[in-house]
Every structure is written in structure tokens, then in C-alpha cells.
């Protein structure tokens, strides 16, 4: 039984971790921390867990966390990097759901997140936790950087094409849309229903923090010629990410369905649909699943890839549990068999 701690358990990703781990047969949740809700029963904050979880939130305490086998950080960017070195020194493994360990270059991290990195010596060790990209490395890791939600959807959509050299890496466009839960569980005028309802907009057009993460992933296959345009959008829904990705094929005769199906043939959480299909976000709602369809648009030579995930599951908590399973030699899909919700 893997003893698990969760730091920062009152946000949406923390709630998803609790929901998934409450039904995981090979884990026990030992500690869940919150500075603002210490002493409050978890079920008082998250009534959907009533009868399934008897824990109360506690103030962060390294001594208690050090008794865990693994600690998840579901905290704002910049929090985990101050606590992780101490936990690693005591033999605790870590999965960070924020961005603290995703970027390998500390100068790039500082440029995008506005502060020096607290433990840059750990960046080279941290394993980027996209199992479809780094499964073997995740198995051996003591520190995993759980991917961002946009990078998960975009990277999975482009990997088969770039790995096969099937597209021009200097012309890639990712037009991505997210529900409001991607902004976190906080009071913000910009996220009020009256502000986002019946509206649709792009944001961070000059540059989004997930862009260097996506580039870091894709450069492994595309090299220095990579040129990606990434634009995120906010849509008036709670969960879900849809990434519509455009690339120019180097050979229009390539069979896209075969390419994607062969690449993801052994992946339990990637579902490749036939070209011409239109995967929608509700078809993955609540599930640790990425659905993808790749289509050649007429005679344009442009392939259109549609990639959908639930930003809180495959884009966050579900993927974190998938990584935990790999780290502890548990069958990868354990605890992650929930079907998508409909309607």
C-alpha cells in the first residue's frame, strides 16, 4: 500500500486527486494539507467525498509528509520547489502538478514565472511525466514534473507526426480552448459566470507559460527548426481542453489513420479516432483519456489534428496518478478506469 500525501488539497486538481485516490485499491491517503482549511473535515469542503474519506485538512508539516511514500503537490507555481529538496532527502518521492520542475533551463523558468528557481540543481533530474513520452524514465524517478494541460493535449496530437518526420516542423499551429476550471479554484471577477458565459476569447496571445513547455517536448523530435504558434482560448464550460492543431505534411500520400494508430497502439489512455471524426470534450469528461483524430483537409497538404482531454484528469490529477502507478510498479491503469460522464 502506497502512503500518499497531498499538499494543497482544496483546489480543483486536489479535489480530483482525492476523488481518484479514494477509489484506488493500492494507496492510502495519509495527509492532506491546507493552510486556510486546517482542522476542517475534507468532506465539509468536498461533499461528494462524504463517506469515502474521513481525513481532515492539516497545516503543512514536513515531518508528517516525510512519513509518506509519495507526496503530490497540487499547489500554485513556486510552492513545491521550496519543499521538495527536503522531502527527497528523506526518501519521499514527489509528483508536482504545478510548473516548478517542467522546464529544464532555469533561465527560461525565471523568464516565464518571474522569479529565480529555488532548486535549479533538481531540474535536470526531474522527469517530465508524460508517460507516452517518458514511461521508462518515470518508472525510475523520484521526482516527476506532471505536465500542463495544454501541453498534454498539444504534445500528444503532434508526437506521431514529428516522430515520423511527416510534417514540416517550421510551420506548426496549435489553436487550443479550455474550460474555466483550468484557471484554478479562486475568486476572480474574470471567471464569474456573468463574465465568461455566452462569450469566447483568446488570451495570452503574446505568449503563454505553457508554450516553452510544449516547445521543449517537441524539440526532441523536431530539432532547432521547430516553429510553433500556440494560442489559448477561454470557453464558457467547466472542464475540457480541445486543441485544433495544423501542420503541413511532407508527404500527402501518408496514411494518417495508420500512423496514429500504430504510434499509440499500446497506449491505454490515448484513443485514436478515424480521420474525419470530431472528438468532443464531453466524450472525455471525467476520464484519464486523450481522444485524437487526424485529417488531411482536401488537397491543401495541411493535416488537422483534433486532440481533446479533461484538463483536470488527463491534464492534471489523472495523469499524476498514472505517474504514481508507474513509479511504484503498479499496473498503469489501476484507479483510472472511470468512464467519461454523459451528459
Protein backbone atom coordinates (compact mmCIF):
# COMPACT_ATOMS: atom_id res chain seq x y z
CA UNK A 1 0.00 0.00 0.00
CA UNK A 2 1.46 3.36 -1.06
CA UNK A 3 1.12 6.02 1.63
CA UNK A 4 0.23 9.28 -0.09
CA UNK A 5 0.26 12.90 0.98
CA UNK A 6 -1.32 15.82 -0.86
CA UNK A 7 -0.09 19.38 -0.39
CA UNK A 8 -2.65 21.97 -1.40
CA UNK A 9 -5.76 19.84 -1.44
CA UNK A 10 -8.51 22.47 -1.70
CA UNK A 11 -8.17 23.34 -5.38
CA UNK A 12 -9.76 21.60 -8.34
CA UNK A 13 -6.75 19.38 -9.02
CA UNK A 14 -6.58 18.49 -5.33
CA UNK A 15 -10.25 17.55 -5.41
CA UNK A 16 -9.65 15.35 -8.46
CA UNK A 17 -6.71 13.66 -6.76
CA UNK A 18 -8.91 12.89 -3.78
CA UNK A 19 -11.72 11.55 -5.98
CA UNK A 20 -9.38 9.23 -7.87
CA UNK A 21 -7.28 8.10 -4.91
CA UNK A 22 -10.36 7.42 -2.77
CA UNK A 23 -11.11 4.55 -5.15
CA UNK A 24 -7.53 3.42 -5.72
CA UNK A 25 -7.03 -0.07 -4.23
CA UNK A 26 -3.28 0.24 -3.66
CA UNK A 27 -2.99 3.64 -1.97
CA UNK A 28 -3.93 5.20 1.34
CA UNK A 29 -4.14 8.97 1.82
CA UNK A 30 -2.19 9.77 4.97
CA UNK A 31 -2.01 13.58 4.89
CA UNK A 32 -3.81 16.37 3.08
CA UNK A 33 -2.72 19.91 3.80
CA UNK A 34 -4.28 23.34 3.54
CA UNK A 35 -3.16 26.49 5.31
CA UNK A 36 -6.62 28.04 5.16
CA UNK A 37 -8.73 24.95 5.98
CA UNK A 38 -6.58 23.23 8.64
CA UNK A 39 -8.84 21.30 11.01
CA UNK A 40 -11.77 21.16 8.58
CA UNK A 41 -13.01 17.72 7.52
CA UNK A 42 -12.35 17.12 3.83
CA UNK A 43 -15.99 16.15 3.28
CA UNK A 44 -17.13 19.57 4.54
CA UNK A 45 -15.28 21.21 1.64
CA UNK A 46 -15.92 18.43 -0.88
CA UNK A 47 -19.30 16.83 -0.02
CA UNK A 48 -19.02 14.41 -2.96
CA UNK A 49 -16.38 12.58 -0.84
CA UNK A 50 -18.68 12.19 2.18
CA UNK A 51 -18.46 8.64 3.47
CA UNK A 52 -15.38 7.89 1.39
CA UNK A 53 -12.72 9.95 3.13
CA UNK A 54 -12.55 10.61 6.86
CA UNK A 55 -9.48 12.87 6.88
CA UNK A 56 -9.34 16.50 7.90
CA UNK A 57 -7.08 19.12 6.37
CA UNK A 58 -3.93 19.89 8.34
CA UNK A 59 -1.38 22.68 8.21
CA UNK A 60 1.71 21.82 6.13
CA UNK A 61 4.13 19.80 8.25
CA UNK A 62 7.29 18.34 6.73
CA UNK A 63 7.54 15.73 9.47
CA UNK A 64 4.12 14.33 8.63
CA UNK A 65 4.78 14.46 4.89
CA UNK A 66 8.11 12.68 5.40
CA UNK A 67 6.16 9.63 6.63
CA UNK A 68 4.59 9.26 3.18
CA UNK A 69 5.94 7.19 0.31
CA UNK A 70 4.88 9.83 -2.21
CA UNK A 71 3.69 13.42 -1.96
CA UNK A 72 1.60 15.18 -4.61
CA UNK A 73 1.94 18.96 -4.79
CA UNK A 74 -1.31 20.49 -6.07
CA UNK A 75 -0.10 23.97 -5.28
CA UNK A 76 0.47 27.27 -7.11
CA UNK A 77 3.64 27.64 -9.15
CA UNK A 78 6.66 28.31 -6.96
CA UNK A 79 5.49 26.42 -3.88
CA UNK A 80 6.80 22.90 -4.45
CA UNK A 81 10.35 23.95 -5.26
CA UNK A 82 10.85 25.25 -1.71
CA UNK A 83 9.77 21.98 -0.06
CA UNK A 84 10.80 19.23 -2.48
CA UNK A 85 14.54 19.11 -1.65
CA UNK A 86 13.81 18.34 1.99
CA UNK A 87 11.35 15.58 1.15
CA UNK A 88 13.65 13.96 -1.39
CA UNK A 89 16.44 13.96 1.19
CA UNK A 90 14.18 11.89 3.45
CA UNK A 91 13.41 9.33 0.76
CA UNK A 92 9.97 10.62 -0.22
CA UNK A 93 9.06 10.58 -3.91
CA UNK A 94 7.28 13.59 -5.37
CA UNK A 95 4.86 14.35 -8.20
CA UNK A 96 4.46 18.10 -8.72
CA UNK A 97 1.31 19.13 -10.57
CA UNK A 98 2.49 22.73 -10.97
CA UNK A 99 5.20 24.02 -13.28
CA UNK A 100 8.16 24.11 -10.88
CA UNK A 101 10.10 21.25 -12.48
CA UNK A 102 8.78 21.09 -16.05
CA UNK A 103 11.36 23.33 -17.73
CA UNK A 104 14.95 22.18 -17.81
CA UNK A 105 16.58 25.60 -18.21
CA UNK A 106 16.37 27.70 -15.00
CA UNK A 107 16.77 30.90 -17.02
CA UNK A 108 13.73 30.01 -19.12
CA UNK A 109 11.79 29.19 -15.96
CA UNK A 110 12.68 32.54 -14.42
CA UNK A 111 11.76 34.41 -17.61
CA UNK A 112 8.26 32.90 -17.69
CA UNK A 113 7.48 32.67 -13.97
CA UNK A 114 9.09 35.88 -12.77
CA UNK A 115 11.39 34.60 -10.03
CA UNK A 116 14.64 32.64 -9.71
CA UNK A 117 14.24 28.90 -9.31
CA UNK A 118 14.77 27.78 -5.70
CA UNK A 119 16.48 24.48 -6.52
CA UNK A 120 17.82 24.58 -10.09
CA UNK A 121 20.08 21.62 -9.31
CA UNK A 122 16.99 19.36 -9.41
CA UNK A 123 15.75 20.43 -12.85
CA UNK A 124 18.00 18.02 -14.71
CA UNK A 125 16.86 15.12 -12.52
CA UNK A 126 13.13 15.81 -12.66
CA UNK A 127 11.36 13.56 -15.16
CA UNK A 128 8.69 15.13 -17.34
CA UNK A 129 5.68 12.98 -16.54
CA UNK A 130 4.03 12.38 -19.89
CA UNK A 131 4.02 8.56 -19.86
CA UNK A 132 3.52 8.34 -23.61
CA UNK A 133 6.84 10.15 -23.95
CA UNK A 134 8.91 9.13 -20.90
CA UNK A 135 7.41 5.94 -19.46
CA UNK A 136 10.71 4.21 -18.65
CA UNK A 137 12.15 7.33 -17.02
CA UNK A 138 9.02 7.84 -14.90
CA UNK A 139 9.32 4.30 -13.54
CA UNK A 140 12.77 5.07 -12.15
CA UNK A 141 12.06 8.63 -10.99
CA UNK A 142 11.95 10.06 -7.53
CA UNK A 143 10.75 13.47 -8.80
CA UNK A 144 8.16 13.80 -11.57
CA UNK A 145 7.02 17.05 -13.15
CA UNK A 146 3.41 16.45 -14.10
CA UNK A 147 2.70 18.09 -17.49
CA UNK A 148 0.47 21.07 -18.02
CA UNK A 149 -2.97 20.55 -19.51
CA UNK A 150 -2.40 22.40 -22.79
CA UNK A 151 1.00 20.72 -23.33
CA UNK A 152 -0.58 17.29 -22.80
CA UNK A 153 -3.21 17.83 -25.48
CA UNK A 154 -0.87 19.53 -27.98
CA UNK A 155 2.10 17.22 -27.48
CA UNK A 156 0.04 14.05 -27.87
CA UNK A 157 -1.52 15.50 -31.00
CA UNK A 158 1.82 16.19 -32.67
CA UNK A 159 4.10 13.38 -31.47
CA UNK A 160 3.24 10.78 -34.16
CA UNK A 161 3.71 13.31 -36.96
CA UNK A 162 7.02 14.71 -35.73
CA UNK A 163 8.45 11.33 -34.74
CA UNK A 164 7.81 10.08 -38.27
CA UNK A 165 9.14 13.25 -39.93
CA UNK A 166 5.74 13.55 -41.60
CA UNK A 167 5.30 17.31 -41.19
CA UNK A 168 7.31 20.49 -41.60
CA UNK A 169 8.43 21.42 -38.05
CA UNK A 170 8.87 25.07 -39.02
CA UNK A 171 5.11 25.52 -39.55
CA UNK A 172 3.02 24.28 -36.63
CA UNK A 173 -0.09 25.95 -35.22
CA UNK A 174 -1.94 24.94 -32.05
CA UNK A 175 -5.29 26.63 -31.51
CA UNK A 176 -6.38 25.45 -28.05
CA UNK A 177 -9.50 26.03 -25.96
CA UNK A 178 -10.01 25.42 -22.24
CA UNK A 179 -12.82 25.45 -19.72
CA UNK A 180 -12.66 27.84 -16.77
CA UNK A 181 -11.53 25.21 -14.24
CA UNK A 182 -8.10 25.45 -15.85
CA UNK A 183 -7.67 28.81 -14.14
CA UNK A 184 -7.99 27.23 -10.70
CA UNK A 185 -10.42 27.44 -7.80
CA UNK A 186 -10.22 31.05 -6.75
CA UNK A 187 -12.35 34.15 -6.54
CA UNK A 188 -11.81 36.22 -9.66
CA UNK A 189 -14.10 38.65 -11.43
CA UNK A 190 -12.80 37.50 -14.80
CA UNK A 191 -14.01 33.95 -14.04
CA UNK A 192 -17.52 34.79 -12.87
CA UNK A 193 -20.28 33.10 -14.85
CA UNK A 194 -21.60 36.53 -15.85
CA UNK A 195 -18.19 37.34 -17.31
CA UNK A 196 -17.42 34.10 -19.19
CA UNK A 197 -20.93 32.93 -20.07
CA UNK A 198 -22.02 33.38 -23.68
CA UNK A 199 -18.54 34.58 -24.60
CA UNK A 200 -15.35 33.25 -26.17
CA UNK A 201 -11.93 34.84 -26.29
CA UNK A 202 -8.24 34.24 -26.84
CA UNK A 203 -5.80 35.17 -24.08
CA UNK A 204 -2.03 35.36 -23.54
CA UNK A 205 -1.64 35.89 -27.28
CA UNK A 206 1.82 37.43 -26.82
CA UNK A 207 2.93 34.24 -25.14
CA UNK A 208 1.55 31.67 -22.70
CA UNK A 209 3.59 29.93 -19.98
CA UNK A 210 2.83 26.55 -21.50
CA UNK A 211 4.46 27.48 -24.81
CA UNK A 212 8.07 26.79 -23.72
CA UNK A 213 6.93 23.50 -22.20
CA UNK A 214 5.35 22.40 -25.48
CA UNK A 215 8.45 23.51 -27.42
CA UNK A 216 10.71 21.60 -25.04
CA UNK A 217 8.71 18.42 -25.71
CA UNK A 218 8.56 18.79 -29.47
CA UNK A 219 12.15 19.90 -29.99
CA UNK A 220 13.24 16.37 -29.08
CA UNK A 221 11.74 15.28 -32.40
CA UNK A 222 11.85 18.44 -34.49
CA UNK A 223 15.23 19.88 -33.53
CA UNK A 224 16.11 23.56 -33.91
CA UNK A 225 13.79 24.00 -36.90
CA UNK A 226 10.73 23.90 -34.64
CA UNK A 227 8.46 26.92 -35.02
CA UNK A 228 5.19 26.69 -33.12
CA UNK A 229 2.38 29.22 -32.89
CA UNK A 230 0.30 28.47 -29.78
CA UNK A 231 -2.80 30.47 -28.85
CA UNK A 232 -5.06 29.51 -25.91
CA UNK A 233 -8.72 30.45 -25.61
CA UNK A 234 -11.23 30.52 -22.76
CA UNK A 235 -14.63 28.97 -23.45
CA UNK A 236 -17.72 29.02 -21.18
CA UNK A 237 -17.56 25.44 -19.92
CA UNK A 238 -16.23 23.95 -16.69
CA UNK A 239 -13.96 21.13 -17.87
CA UNK A 240 -12.15 20.20 -21.01
CA UNK A 241 -9.47 21.16 -23.50
CA UNK A 242 -9.77 20.97 -27.25
CA UNK A 243 -6.65 21.59 -29.32
CA UNK A 244 -7.03 22.03 -33.07
CA UNK A 245 -3.54 21.60 -34.49
CA UNK A 246 -2.40 22.45 -38.02
CA UNK A 247 0.73 21.18 -39.77
CA UNK A 248 1.99 20.86 -43.35
CA UNK A 249 2.60 17.30 -44.47
CA UNK A 250 5.89 16.44 -46.14
CA UNK A 251 4.14 13.59 -47.98
CA UNK A 252 0.41 13.90 -48.69
CA UNK A 253 0.25 10.18 -49.51
CA UNK A 254 0.90 9.20 -45.89
CA UNK A 255 -1.94 7.24 -44.25
CA UNK A 256 -2.71 9.31 -41.18
CA UNK A 257 -5.02 6.81 -39.51
CA UNK A 258 -2.37 4.08 -39.66
CA UNK A 259 0.36 6.45 -38.46
CA UNK A 260 -1.56 7.50 -35.35
CA UNK A 261 -2.98 4.06 -34.56
CA UNK A 262 0.43 2.41 -34.84
CA UNK A 263 2.09 5.06 -32.69
CA UNK A 264 -0.48 4.77 -29.90
CA UNK A 265 -1.32 1.08 -30.31
CA UNK A 266 -0.10 0.17 -26.81
CA UNK A 267 -1.21 3.32 -25.01
CA UNK A 268 -4.09 2.67 -22.59
CA UNK A 269 -5.13 6.32 -22.35
CA UNK A 270 -4.98 7.52 -25.96
CA UNK A 271 -7.91 6.76 -28.24
CA UNK A 272 -7.30 7.35 -31.94
CA UNK A 273 -10.45 8.00 -33.95
CA UNK A 274 -10.72 7.73 -37.71
CA UNK A 275 -9.83 10.73 -39.83
CA UNK A 276 -12.86 12.91 -40.37
CA UNK A 277 -14.19 12.24 -36.86
CA UNK A 278 -14.72 15.14 -34.48
CA UNK A 279 -13.76 14.24 -30.90
CA UNK A 280 -15.50 16.47 -28.40
CA UNK A 281 -14.58 17.41 -24.85
CA UNK A 282 -17.65 15.83 -23.28
CA UNK A 283 -16.54 12.43 -24.60
CA UNK A 284 -13.57 12.50 -22.18
CA UNK A 285 -15.18 14.38 -19.28
CA UNK A 286 -14.07 12.80 -16.02
CA UNK A 287 -11.78 10.24 -17.68
CA UNK A 288 -8.00 9.93 -17.92
CA UNK A 289 -8.17 9.86 -21.69
CA UNK A 290 -6.97 11.75 -24.74
CA UNK A 291 -9.03 11.33 -27.92
CA UNK A 292 -7.39 12.25 -31.20
CA UNK A 293 -8.38 12.42 -34.86
CA UNK A 294 -6.10 13.48 -37.73
CA UNK A 295 -7.50 14.58 -41.09
CA UNK A 296 -5.99 15.83 -44.34
CA UNK A 297 -8.03 18.81 -45.45
CA UNK A 298 -8.71 18.45 -49.16
CA UNK A 299 -5.67 19.00 -51.37
CA UNK A 300 -4.16 21.66 -49.12
CA UNK A 301 -1.42 19.43 -47.77
CA UNK A 302 -2.42 20.55 -44.29
CA UNK A 303 -3.20 17.95 -41.64
CA UNK A 304 -5.71 18.99 -38.97
CA UNK A 305 -5.32 17.16 -35.67
CA UNK A 306 -8.06 17.38 -33.06
CA UNK A 307 -6.99 16.45 -29.54
CA UNK A 308 -9.33 16.51 -26.52
CA UNK A 309 -8.74 15.86 -22.83
CA UNK A 310 -10.32 16.64 -19.48
CA UNK A 311 -7.93 19.29 -18.17
CA UNK A 312 -8.41 18.12 -14.57
CA UNK A 313 -7.85 14.42 -15.26
CA UNK A 314 -5.51 13.53 -18.14
CA UNK A 315 -4.41 17.17 -17.97
CA UNK A 316 -3.65 17.04 -14.23
CA UNK A 317 -4.74 14.64 -11.46
CA UNK A 318 -5.38 11.52 -13.53
CA UNK A 319 -2.02 11.80 -15.21
CA UNK A 320 -0.41 12.33 -11.79
CA UNK A 321 -1.91 9.05 -10.57
CA UNK A 322 -0.82 7.36 -13.80
CA UNK A 323 2.71 8.52 -12.99
CA UNK A 324 2.43 7.32 -9.39
CA UNK A 325 1.41 3.87 -10.61
CA UNK A 326 4.47 3.69 -12.83
CA UNK A 327 6.79 4.91 -10.06
CA UNK A 328 5.65 2.18 -7.66
CA UNK A 329 5.36 -0.72 -10.09
CA UNK A 330 1.56 -0.70 -10.02
CA UNK A 331 -0.28 -1.60 -13.22
CA UNK A 332 -0.59 1.71 -15.02
CA UNK A 333 -4.36 1.85 -15.34
CA UNK A 334 -5.20 0.95 -11.71
CA UNK A 335 -7.60 3.50 -10.25
CA UNK A 336 -8.07 5.16 -13.62
CA UNK A 337 -10.80 3.06 -15.18
CA UNK A 338 -13.63 5.57 -14.76
CA UNK A 339 -15.65 6.03 -17.93
CA UNK A 340 -16.40 9.53 -19.24
CA UNK A 341 -19.54 11.22 -17.93
CA UNK A 342 -22.52 11.78 -20.22
CA UNK A 343 -24.32 14.14 -20.50
